[in-house]
């Protein structure tokens, strides 16, 4: 079986764009688990909310020439605010409980958010989310048209990923966050307001999921179910990359995104099987993941 190089290039770029959306959402999940030690099964719900908020804003202000940028700015912020409310009123009560309690609590949140979305928007977007005019066309790559919006997604996700790394490793806030992740009691003894820090980290994770959903909205169909599809992918990425590792998350997201893209090209009916096989191999050969938490 042979493929034209231009087709392979376009498939690679499409897989890269999807991989980077996976990375944005999964990095929020691994950040929350690494710092708060909470398994947030409802993380995909924030991704879904970001997509629906983006859709709702573009519908509400359809006449504005800046509607896409308004949606891209406000949808993740609204999602982050909801994340802060969830953390403050619900998750704080299960921090020190068994992981099974955390899973059941966050699974219940999935059902709540799905019902809210269903009551608000009927469970699906009636029309696509529009792109800015200059991102609606195609870029010629080796003579083959590639959506300009995908290039925008790739550049934006890379910029956010690098900014996240810089915040965690080059700022005082990042040092405090990493200190709290290593030893909560010691951080609290040193005067760090751990509850506020935990709320901020959870809101940051929700923001990352929200922006992932916002940039996905113009690319695909916004509907109920995208939350579960995404959270499953995120857990696979975290398992492969290593729990709590941002760099591991990036590498694993790249692997999963490209396998998803090229698998769909070669054997589309076995694409998910390929991804699960990769996860199984990593679990057998390196149970801690490709990169450990220490190396994040």
C-alpha atoms as a PDB file:
ATOM      1  CA  UNK A   1       0.000   0.000   0.000  1.00  0.00           C
ATOM      2  CA  UNK A   2       1.479   3.351  -1.071  1.00  0.00           C
ATOM      3  CA  UNK A   3       0.341   6.895  -0.458  1.00  0.00           C
ATOM      4  CA  UNK A   4       1.187  10.178  -2.110  1.00  0.00           C
ATOM      5  CA  UNK A   5       3.677  12.209   0.026  1.00  0.00           C
ATOM      6  CA  UNK A   6       1.337  15.206  -0.055  1.00  0.00           C
ATOM      7  CA  UNK A   7      -1.445  13.074   1.436  1.00  0.00           C
ATOM      8  CA  UNK A   8       0.871  11.791   4.183  1.00  0.00           C
ATOM      9  CA  UNK A   9       1.923  15.359   4.972  1.00  0.00           C
ATOM     10  CA  UNK A  10      -1.669  16.540   5.264  1.00  0.00           C
ATOM     11  CA  UNK A  11      -2.596  13.533   7.412  1.00  0.00           C
ATOM     12  CA  UNK A  12       0.395  14.260   9.646  1.00  0.00           C
ATOM     13  CA  UNK A  13      -0.624  17.905  10.106  1.00  0.00           C
ATOM     14  CA  UNK A  14      -4.229  16.904  10.769  1.00  0.00           C
ATOM     15  CA  UNK A  15      -3.050  14.364  13.335  1.00  0.00           C
ATOM     16  CA  UNK A  16      -0.769  16.977  14.888  1.00  0.00           C
ATOM     17  CA  UNK A  17      -3.653  19.444  15.265  1.00  0.00           C
ATOM     18  CA  UNK A  18      -5.808  16.797  16.927  1.00  0.00           C
ATOM     19  CA  UNK A  19      -2.885  15.663  19.098  1.00  0.00           C
ATOM     20  CA  UNK A  20      -2.349  19.190  20.372  1.00  0.00           C
ATOM     21  CA  UNK A  21      -6.013  19.508  21.343  1.00  0.00           C
ATOM     22  CA  UNK A  22      -5.599  16.225  23.223  1.00  0.00           C
ATOM     23  CA  UNK A  23      -2.528  17.712  24.891  1.00  0.00           C
ATOM     24  CA  UNK A  24      -4.304  20.879  26.027  1.00  0.00           C
ATOM     25  CA  UNK A  25      -7.125  18.948  27.655  1.00  0.00           C
ATOM     26  CA  UNK A  26      -4.956  16.140  29.059  1.00  0.00           C
ATOM     27  CA  UNK A  27      -2.394  18.587  30.490  1.00  0.00           C
ATOM     28  CA  UNK A  28      -5.184  20.146  32.556  1.00  0.00           C
ATOM     29  CA  UNK A  29      -6.191  16.722  33.844  1.00  0.00           C
ATOM     30  CA  UNK A  30      -2.649  15.640  34.711  1.00  0.00           C
ATOM     31  CA  UNK A  31      -1.963  19.019  36.361  1.00  0.00           C
ATOM     32  CA  UNK A  32      -5.016  18.649  38.603  1.00  0.00           C
ATOM     33  CA  UNK A  33      -4.110  15.098  39.554  1.00  0.00           C
ATOM     34  CA  UNK A  34      -0.445  15.929  40.071  1.00  0.00           C
ATOM     35  CA  UNK A  35      -1.193  18.830  42.439  1.00  0.00           C
ATOM     36  CA  UNK A  36      -4.558  18.020  44.017  1.00  0.00           C
ATOM     37  CA  UNK A  37      -4.258  14.208  43.832  1.00  0.00           C
ATOM     38  CA  UNK A  38      -7.856  14.074  42.595  1.00  0.00           C
ATOM     39  CA  UNK A  39      -8.975  11.837  39.753  1.00  0.00           C
ATOM     40  CA  UNK A  40     -11.368  14.169  37.933  1.00  0.00           C
ATOM     41  CA  UNK A  41     -13.424  11.927  35.682  1.00  0.00           C
ATOM     42  CA  UNK A  42     -15.584  14.976  34.839  1.00  0.00           C
ATOM     43  CA  UNK A  43     -12.657  16.769  33.176  1.00  0.00           C
ATOM     44  CA  UNK A  44     -14.128  15.968  29.771  1.00  0.00           C
ATOM     45  CA  UNK A  45     -17.270  17.845  30.815  1.00  0.00           C
ATOM     46  CA  UNK A  46     -15.286  21.089  30.933  1.00  0.00           C
ATOM     47  CA  UNK A  47     -14.095  20.340  27.398  1.00  0.00           C
ATOM     48  CA  UNK A  48     -17.712  19.885  26.331  1.00  0.00           C
ATOM     49  CA  UNK A  49     -18.791  23.061  28.147  1.00  0.00           C
ATOM     50  CA  UNK A  50     -16.030  25.034  26.417  1.00  0.00           C
ATOM     51  CA  UNK A  51     -17.282  23.810  23.034  1.00  0.00           C
ATOM     52  CA  UNK A  52     -20.926  24.626  23.807  1.00  0.00           C
ATOM     53  CA  UNK A  53     -20.094  28.042  25.289  1.00  0.00           C
ATOM     54  CA  UNK A  54     -18.109  28.834  22.144  1.00  0.00           C
ATOM     55  CA  UNK A  55     -21.098  27.781  20.056  1.00  0.00           C
ATOM     56  CA  UNK A  56     -23.529  29.799  22.203  1.00  0.00           C
ATOM     57  CA  UNK A  57     -21.442  32.995  22.066  1.00  0.00           C
ATOM     58  CA  UNK A  58     -21.035  32.785  18.297  1.00  0.00           C
ATOM     59  CA  UNK A  59     -24.810  32.346  17.967  1.00  0.00           C
ATOM     60  CA  UNK A  60     -25.568  35.234  20.329  1.00  0.00           C
ATOM     61  CA  UNK A  61     -23.191  37.703  18.680  1.00  0.00           C
ATOM     62  CA  UNK A  62     -23.305  36.381  15.130  1.00  0.00           C
ATOM     63  CA  UNK A  63     -23.351  39.886  13.636  1.00  0.00           C
ATOM     64  CA  UNK A  64     -20.022  40.861  15.207  1.00  0.00           C
ATOM     65  CA  UNK A  65     -16.905  40.529  13.051  1.00  0.00           C
ATOM     66  CA  UNK A  66     -14.974  39.600  16.197  1.00  0.00           C
ATOM     67  CA  UNK A  67     -17.374  36.919  17.376  1.00  0.00           C
ATOM     68  CA  UNK A  68     -14.856  34.076  17.061  1.00  0.00           C
ATOM     69  CA  UNK A  69     -12.274  35.898  19.180  1.00  0.00           C
ATOM     70  CA  UNK A  70     -14.932  36.807  21.737  1.00  0.00           C
ATOM     71  CA  UNK A  71     -15.914  33.152  21.987  1.00  0.00           C
ATOM     72  CA  UNK A  72     -12.310  31.971  22.148  1.00  0.00           C
ATOM     73  CA  UNK A  73     -11.608  34.413  24.983  1.00  0.00           C
ATOM     74  CA  UNK A  74     -14.759  34.151  27.090  1.00  0.00           C
ATOM     75  CA  UNK A  75     -15.774  30.481  26.687  1.00  0.00           C
ATOM     76  CA  UNK A  76     -12.684  29.099  28.505  1.00  0.00           C
ATOM     77  CA  UNK A  77     -12.970  31.781  31.216  1.00  0.00           C
ATOM     78  CA  UNK A  78     -16.607  30.881  31.896  1.00  0.00           C
ATOM     79  CA  UNK A  79     -15.592  27.231  31.980  1.00  0.00           C
ATOM     80  CA  UNK A  80     -12.785  28.001  34.436  1.00  0.00           C
ATOM     81  CA  UNK A  81     -15.209  29.878  36.694  1.00  0.00           C
ATOM     82  CA  UNK A  82     -17.540  26.861  36.741  1.00  0.00           C
ATOM     83  CA  UNK A  83     -14.519  24.709  37.550  1.00  0.00           C
ATOM     84  CA  UNK A  84     -13.726  26.950  40.506  1.00  0.00           C
ATOM     85  CA  UNK A  85     -17.295  26.598  41.818  1.00  0.00           C
ATOM     86  CA  UNK A  86     -17.109  22.810  41.470  1.00  0.00           C
ATOM     87  CA  UNK A  87     -13.778  22.657  43.284  1.00  0.00           C
ATOM     88  CA  UNK A  88     -14.890  24.950  46.121  1.00  0.00           C
ATOM     89  CA  UNK A  89     -18.272  23.402  46.854  1.00  0.00           C
ATOM     90  CA  UNK A  90     -17.786  19.742  45.907  1.00  0.00           C
ATOM     91  CA  UNK A  91     -14.259  18.453  45.364  1.00  0.00           C
ATOM     92  CA  UNK A  92     -12.786  19.960  48.529  1.00  0.00           C
ATOM     93  CA  UNK A  93     -14.866  17.453  50.428  1.00  0.00           C
ATOM     94  CA  UNK A  94     -13.321  14.431  48.736  1.00  0.00           C
ATOM     95  CA  UNK A  95      -9.614  15.388  48.601  1.00  0.00           C
ATOM     96  CA  UNK A  96      -8.659  12.994  51.380  1.00  0.00           C
ATOM     97  CA  UNK A  97     -11.152  10.295  50.488  1.00  0.00           C
ATOM     98  CA  UNK A  98     -10.408   7.108  48.564  1.00  0.00           C
ATOM     99  CA  UNK A  99      -9.990   7.421  44.808  1.00  0.00           C
ATOM    100  CA  UNK A 100     -13.172   5.389  44.287  1.00  0.00           C
ATOM    101  CA  UNK A 101     -15.123   8.128  46.103  1.00  0.00           C
ATOM    102  CA  UNK A 102     -13.502  10.763  43.885  1.00  0.00           C
ATOM    103  CA  UNK A 103     -14.379   8.773  40.777  1.00  0.00           C
ATOM    104  CA  UNK A 104     -18.012   8.334  41.831  1.00  0.00           C
ATOM    105  CA  UNK A 105     -18.302  12.027  42.717  1.00  0.00           C
ATOM    106  CA  UNK A 106     -16.846  13.250  39.442  1.00  0.00           C
ATOM    107  CA  UNK A 107     -18.856  10.677  37.475  1.00  0.00           C
ATOM    108  CA  UNK A 108     -21.999  12.134  39.063  1.00  0.00           C
ATOM    109  CA  UNK A 109     -20.825  15.552  37.851  1.00  0.00           C
ATOM    110  CA  UNK A 110     -20.685  14.169  34.297  1.00  0.00           C
ATOM    111  CA  UNK A 111     -24.387  13.320  34.497  1.00  0.00           C
ATOM    112  CA  UNK A 112     -25.207  16.738  35.951  1.00  0.00           C
ATOM    113  CA  UNK A 113     -23.313  18.624  33.236  1.00  0.00           C
ATOM    114  CA  UNK A 114     -24.833  16.466  30.502  1.00  0.00           C
ATOM    115  CA  UNK A 115     -28.332  17.270  31.750  1.00  0.00           C
ATOM    116  CA  UNK A 116     -27.498  20.987  31.954  1.00  0.00           C
ATOM    117  CA  UNK A 117     -26.210  20.960  28.375  1.00  0.00           C
ATOM    118  CA  UNK A 118     -29.237  18.995  27.201  1.00  0.00           C
ATOM    119  CA  UNK A 119     -31.639  21.453  28.843  1.00  0.00           C
ATOM    120  CA  UNK A 120     -29.720  24.482  27.562  1.00  0.00           C
ATOM    121  CA  UNK A 121     -28.913  23.498  23.973  1.00  0.00           C
ATOM    122  CA  UNK A 122     -30.817  20.296  23.336  1.00  0.00           C
ATOM    123  CA  UNK A 123     -27.630  18.226  23.399  1.00  0.00           C
ATOM    124  CA  UNK A 124     -26.201  19.291  20.045  1.00  0.00           C
ATOM    125  CA  UNK A 125     -25.229  22.394  18.096  1.00  0.00           C
ATOM    126  CA  UNK A 126     -27.810  23.245  15.445  1.00  0.00           C
ATOM    127  CA  UNK A 127     -25.172  24.766  13.194  1.00  0.00           C
ATOM    128  CA  UNK A 128     -21.401  24.881  13.003  1.00  0.00           C
ATOM    129  CA  UNK A 129     -19.286  27.423  14.852  1.00  0.00           C
ATOM    130  CA  UNK A 130     -17.998  29.932  12.265  1.00  0.00           C
ATOM    131  CA  UNK A 131     -14.308  30.631  11.771  1.00  0.00           C
ATOM    132  CA  UNK A 132     -12.784  34.031  10.993  1.00  0.00           C
ATOM    133  CA  UNK A 133     -12.713  34.663   7.267  1.00  0.00           C
ATOM    134  CA  UNK A 134      -8.914  34.492   7.020  1.00  0.00           C
ATOM    135  CA  UNK A 135      -8.935  31.088   8.759  1.00  0.00           C
ATOM    136  CA  UNK A 136     -11.785  29.630   6.710  1.00  0.00           C
ATOM    137  CA  UNK A 137      -9.687  28.878   3.632  1.00  0.00           C
ATOM    138  CA  UNK A 138      -6.921  26.433   2.814  1.00  0.00           C
ATOM    139  CA  UNK A 139      -3.152  26.564   2.726  1.00  0.00           C
ATOM    140  CA  UNK A 140      -1.396  24.817  -0.152  1.00  0.00           C
ATOM    141  CA  UNK A 141       1.009  22.129   1.102  1.00  0.00           C
ATOM    142  CA  UNK A 142       2.792  20.102  -1.574  1.00  0.00           C
ATOM    143  CA  UNK A 143      -0.039  20.971  -3.914  1.00  0.00           C
ATOM    144  CA  UNK A 144      -2.713  19.730  -1.514  1.00  0.00           C
ATOM    145  CA  UNK A 145      -5.109  22.043   0.329  1.00  0.00           C
ATOM    146  CA  UNK A 146      -4.834  21.984   4.123  1.00  0.00           C
ATOM    147  CA  UNK A 147      -7.304  23.910   6.341  1.00  0.00           C
ATOM    148  CA  UNK A 148      -5.782  27.175   7.533  1.00  0.00           C
ATOM    149  CA  UNK A 149      -7.679  26.784  10.804  1.00  0.00           C
ATOM    150  CA  UNK A 150      -5.659  23.660  11.618  1.00  0.00           C
ATOM    151  CA  UNK A 151      -2.453  25.685  11.292  1.00  0.00           C
ATOM    152  CA  UNK A 152      -3.926  28.200  13.736  1.00  0.00           C
ATOM    153  CA  UNK A 153      -4.812  25.392  16.178  1.00  0.00           C
ATOM    154  CA  UNK A 154      -1.276  23.986  16.009  1.00  0.00           C
ATOM    155  CA  UNK A 155       0.372  27.363  16.645  1.00  0.00           C
ATOM    156  CA  UNK A 156      -2.051  28.334  19.432  1.00  0.00           C
ATOM    157  CA  UNK A 157      -1.710  24.997  21.244  1.00  0.00           C
ATOM    158  CA  UNK A 158       2.080  25.127  21.057  1.00  0.00           C
ATOM    159  CA  UNK A 159       2.057  28.686  22.439  1.00  0.00           C
ATOM    160  CA  UNK A 160      -0.234  27.676  25.329  1.00  0.00           C
ATOM    161  CA  UNK A 161       1.845  24.570  26.064  1.00  0.00           C
ATOM    162  CA  UNK A 162       5.085  26.552  26.217  1.00  0.00           C
ATOM    163  CA  UNK A 163       3.409  29.202  28.382  1.00  0.00           C
ATOM    164  CA  UNK A 164       2.189  26.512  30.773  1.00  0.00           C
ATOM    165  CA  UNK A 165       5.697  25.077  31.047  1.00  0.00           C
ATOM    166  CA  UNK A 166       7.143  28.551  31.651  1.00  0.00           C
ATOM    167  CA  UNK A 167       4.602  29.270  34.395  1.00  0.00           C
ATOM    168  CA  UNK A 168       5.346  25.994  36.175  1.00  0.00           C
ATOM    169  CA  UNK A 169       9.136  26.227  35.907  1.00  0.00           C
ATOM    170  CA  UNK A 170      10.069  29.905  35.633  1.00  0.00           C
ATOM    171  CA  UNK A 171       7.692  31.751  37.956  1.00  0.00           C
ATOM    172  CA  UNK A 172       7.175  31.952  41.710  1.00  0.00           C
ATOM    173  CA  UNK A 173       3.612  30.704  41.255  1.00  0.00           C
ATOM    174  CA  UNK A 174       4.957  27.645  39.465  1.00  0.00           C
ATOM    175  CA  UNK A 175       7.484  26.930  42.199  1.00  0.00           C
ATOM    176  CA  UNK A 176       4.768  27.214  44.840  1.00  0.00           C
ATOM    177  CA  UNK A 177       2.511  24.906  42.832  1.00  0.00           C
ATOM    178  CA  UNK A 178       5.228  22.296  42.439  1.00  0.00           C
ATOM    179  CA  UNK A 179       6.103  22.566  46.123  1.00  0.00           C
ATOM    180  CA  UNK A 180       2.483  21.954  47.098  1.00  0.00           C
ATOM    181  CA  UNK A 181       2.356  18.992  44.719  1.00  0.00           C
ATOM    182  CA  UNK A 182       5.422  17.464  46.422  1.00  0.00           C
ATOM    183  CA  UNK A 183       4.390  18.061  50.057  1.00  0.00           C
ATOM    184  CA  UNK A 184       1.096  19.745  50.919  1.00  0.00           C
ATOM    185  CA  UNK A 185       1.729  19.839  54.667  1.00  0.00           C
ATOM    186  CA  UNK A 186       5.166  21.422  54.285  1.00  0.00           C
ATOM    187  CA  UNK A 187       3.778  23.993  51.835  1.00  0.00           C
ATOM    188  CA  UNK A 188       1.030  24.886  54.298  1.00  0.00           C
ATOM    189  CA  UNK A 189       3.593  25.182  57.113  1.00  0.00           C
ATOM    190  CA  UNK A 190       5.586  27.648  55.003  1.00  0.00           C
ATOM    191  CA  UNK A 191       2.572  29.924  54.769  1.00  0.00           C
ATOM    192  CA  UNK A 192       1.188  28.920  51.372  1.00  0.00           C
ATOM    193  CA  UNK A 193      -2.606  29.195  51.223  1.00  0.00           C
ATOM    194  CA  UNK A 194      -3.116  25.678  49.911  1.00  0.00           C
ATOM    195  CA  UNK A 195      -6.945  25.815  49.467  1.00  0.00           C
ATOM    196  CA  UNK A 196      -6.700  28.930  47.286  1.00  0.00           C
ATOM    197  CA  UNK A 197      -3.804  27.379  45.357  1.00  0.00           C
ATOM    198  CA  UNK A 198      -5.841  24.216  44.775  1.00  0.00           C
ATOM    199  CA  UNK A 199      -8.784  26.279  43.506  1.00  0.00           C
ATOM    200  CA  UNK A 200      -6.489  28.159  41.119  1.00  0.00           C
ATOM    201  CA  UNK A 201      -4.922  24.937  39.802  1.00  0.00           C
ATOM    202  CA  UNK A 202      -8.329  23.349  39.264  1.00  0.00           C
ATOM    203  CA  UNK A 203      -9.545  26.467  37.449  1.00  0.00           C
ATOM    204  CA  UNK A 204      -6.425  26.397  35.285  1.00  0.00           C
ATOM    205  CA  UNK A 205      -7.131  22.759  34.429  1.00  0.00           C
ATOM    206  CA  UNK A 206     -10.748  23.627  33.577  1.00  0.00           C
ATOM    207  CA  UNK A 207      -9.522  26.569  31.467  1.00  0.00           C
ATOM    208  CA  UNK A 208      -7.215  24.277  29.496  1.00  0.00           C
ATOM    209  CA  UNK A 209     -10.111  21.878  28.878  1.00  0.00           C
ATOM    210  CA  UNK A 210     -12.369  24.804  27.975  1.00  0.00           C
ATOM    211  CA  UNK A 211      -9.971  26.242  25.435  1.00  0.00           C
ATOM    212  CA  UNK A 212      -9.501  22.773  23.969  1.00  0.00           C
ATOM    213  CA  UNK A 213     -13.265  22.552  23.503  1.00  0.00           C
ATOM    214  CA  UNK A 214     -13.439  26.097  22.130  1.00  0.00           C
ATOM    215  CA  UNK A 215     -10.895  25.512  19.388  1.00  0.00           C
ATOM    216  CA  UNK A 216     -12.467  22.136  18.598  1.00  0.00           C
ATOM    217  CA  UNK A 217     -15.940  23.657  18.089  1.00  0.00           C
ATOM    218  CA  UNK A 218     -15.251  24.987  14.544  1.00  0.00           C
ATOM    219  CA  UNK A 219     -13.555  21.691  13.598  1.00  0.00           C
ATOM    220  CA  UNK A 220     -16.170  19.095  14.466  1.00  0.00           C
ATOM    221  CA  UNK A 221     -19.713  18.380  15.607  1.00  0.00           C
ATOM    222  CA  UNK A 222     -20.516  19.773  19.063  1.00  0.00           C
ATOM    223  CA  UNK A 223     -22.833  17.365  20.860  1.00  0.00           C
ATOM    224  CA  UNK A 224     -23.350  15.264  23.962  1.00  0.00           C
ATOM    225  CA  UNK A 225     -20.790  12.479  24.135  1.00  0.00           C
ATOM    226  CA  UNK A 226     -17.710  14.463  23.193  1.00  0.00           C
ATOM    227  CA  UNK A 227     -16.958  14.736  26.912  1.00  0.00           C
ATOM    228  CA  UNK A 228     -16.678  10.982  27.398  1.00  0.00           C
ATOM    229  CA  UNK A 229     -14.710  10.482  24.189  1.00  0.00           C
ATOM    230  CA  UNK A 230     -12.215  13.128  25.262  1.00  0.00           C
ATOM    231  CA  UNK A 231     -11.806  12.019  28.877  1.00  0.00           C
ATOM    232  CA  UNK A 232     -11.079   8.457  27.745  1.00  0.00           C
ATOM    233  CA  UNK A 233      -8.377   9.767  25.409  1.00  0.00           C
ATOM    234  CA  UNK A 234      -7.000  11.940  28.210  1.00  0.00           C
ATOM    235  CA  UNK A 235      -6.672   9.019  30.606  1.00  0.00           C
ATOM    236  CA  UNK A 236      -4.935   6.977  27.914  1.00  0.00           C
ATOM    237  CA  UNK A 237      -2.524   9.864  27.312  1.00  0.00           C
ATOM    238  CA  UNK A 238      -1.807  10.259  31.019  1.00  0.00           C
ATOM    239  CA  UNK A 239      -1.195   6.531  31.448  1.00  0.00           C
ATOM    240  CA  UNK A 240       1.161   6.449  28.462  1.00  0.00           C
ATOM    241  CA  UNK A 241       2.930   9.714  29.271  1.00  0.00           C
ATOM    242  CA  UNK A 242       3.188   9.307  33.031  1.00  0.00           C
ATOM    243  CA  UNK A 243       0.877  10.662  35.724  1.00  0.00           C
ATOM    244  CA  UNK A 244       1.716  14.274  36.601  1.00  0.00           C
ATOM    245  CA  UNK A 245       4.217  14.745  33.772  1.00  0.00           C
ATOM    246  CA  UNK A 246       3.510  17.643  31.401  1.00  0.00           C
ATOM    247  CA  UNK A 247       6.242  16.603  28.958  1.00  0.00           C
ATOM    248  CA  UNK A 248       5.061  13.006  29.123  1.00  0.00           C
ATOM    249  CA  UNK A 249       1.554  14.248  28.396  1.00  0.00           C
ATOM    250  CA  UNK A 250       2.838  16.125  25.321  1.00  0.00           C
ATOM    251  CA  UNK A 251       4.730  13.090  23.979  1.00  0.00           C
ATOM    252  CA  UNK A 252       1.831  10.718  24.608  1.00  0.00           C
ATOM    253  CA  UNK A 253      -0.676  13.119  23.015  1.00  0.00           C
ATOM    254  CA  UNK A 254       1.537  13.318  19.935  1.00  0.00           C
ATOM    255  CA  UNK A 255       1.718   9.520  19.731  1.00  0.00           C
ATOM    256  CA  UNK A 256      -2.024   9.058  20.205  1.00  0.00           C
ATOM    257  CA  UNK A 257      -2.942  11.853  17.774  1.00  0.00           C
ATOM    258  CA  UNK A 258      -0.684  10.566  15.002  1.00  0.00           C
ATOM    259  CA  UNK A 259      -1.709   6.938  15.523  1.00  0.00           C
ATOM    260  CA  UNK A 260      -5.333   8.070  15.360  1.00  0.00           C
ATOM    261  CA  UNK A 261      -4.698   9.983  12.114  1.00  0.00           C
ATOM    262  CA  UNK A 262      -2.610   7.386  10.285  1.00  0.00           C
ATOM    263  CA  UNK A 263      -4.668   4.510  11.667  1.00  0.00           C
ATOM    264  CA  UNK A 264      -7.769   6.094  10.158  1.00  0.00           C
ATOM    265  CA  UNK A 265      -5.903   6.318   6.845  1.00  0.00           C
ATOM    266  CA  UNK A 266      -4.656   2.729   6.779  1.00  0.00           C
ATOM    267  CA  UNK A 267      -7.125   0.629   8.813  1.00  0.00           C
ATOM    268  CA  UNK A 268      -9.902   2.917  10.084  1.00  0.00           C
ATOM    269  CA  UNK A 269     -11.837   0.080  11.730  1.00  0.00           C
ATOM    270  CA  UNK A 270      -8.855  -0.710  13.984  1.00  0.00           C
ATOM    271  CA  UNK A 271      -7.798   2.828  14.933  1.00  0.00           C
ATOM    272  CA  UNK A 272      -8.935   2.613  18.560  1.00  0.00           C
ATOM    273  CA  UNK A 273      -7.426  -0.844  18.882  1.00  0.00           C
ATOM    274  CA  UNK A 274      -4.020   0.554  17.888  1.00  0.00           C
ATOM    275  CA  UNK A 275      -4.275   3.179  20.642  1.00  0.00           C
ATOM    276  CA  UNK A 276      -5.254   0.634  23.281  1.00  0.00           C
ATOM    277  CA  UNK A 277      -2.432  -1.667  22.190  1.00  0.00           C
ATOM    278  CA  UNK A 278       0.060   1.175  22.703  1.00  0.00           C
ATOM    279  CA  UNK A 279      -1.358   1.773  26.185  1.00  0.00           C
ATOM    280  CA  UNK A 280      -1.132  -1.935  27.017  1.00  0.00           C
ATOM    281  CA  UNK A 281       2.492  -2.130  25.847  1.00  0.00           C
ATOM    282  CA  UNK A 282       3.425   0.871  28.006  1.00  0.00           C
ATOM    283  CA  UNK A 283       1.630  -0.589  31.037  1.00  0.00           C
ATOM    284  CA  UNK A 284       3.494  -3.882  30.632  1.00  0.00           C
ATOM    285  CA  UNK A 285       6.951  -2.517  29.893  1.00  0.00           C
ATOM    286  CA  UNK A 286       6.895   0.770  31.837  1.00  0.00           C
ATOM    287  CA  UNK A 287       3.955   0.967  34.270  1.00  0.00           C
ATOM    288  CA  UNK A 288       4.947   4.454  35.499  1.00  0.00           C
ATOM    289  CA  UNK A 289       4.617   5.852  31.970  1.00  0.00           C
ATOM    290  CA  UNK A 290       7.137   7.231  29.490  1.00  0.00           C
ATOM    291  CA  UNK A 291       8.143  10.062  31.835  1.00  0.00           C
ATOM    292  CA  UNK A 292       7.793  10.063  35.588  1.00  0.00           C
ATOM    293  CA  UNK A 293       6.334  12.873  37.665  1.00  0.00           C
ATOM    294  CA  UNK A 294       9.823  13.843  38.786  1.00  0.00           C
ATOM    295  CA  UNK A 295      10.810  14.645  35.203  1.00  0.00           C
ATOM    296  CA  UNK A 296       7.883  16.905  34.406  1.00  0.00           C
END
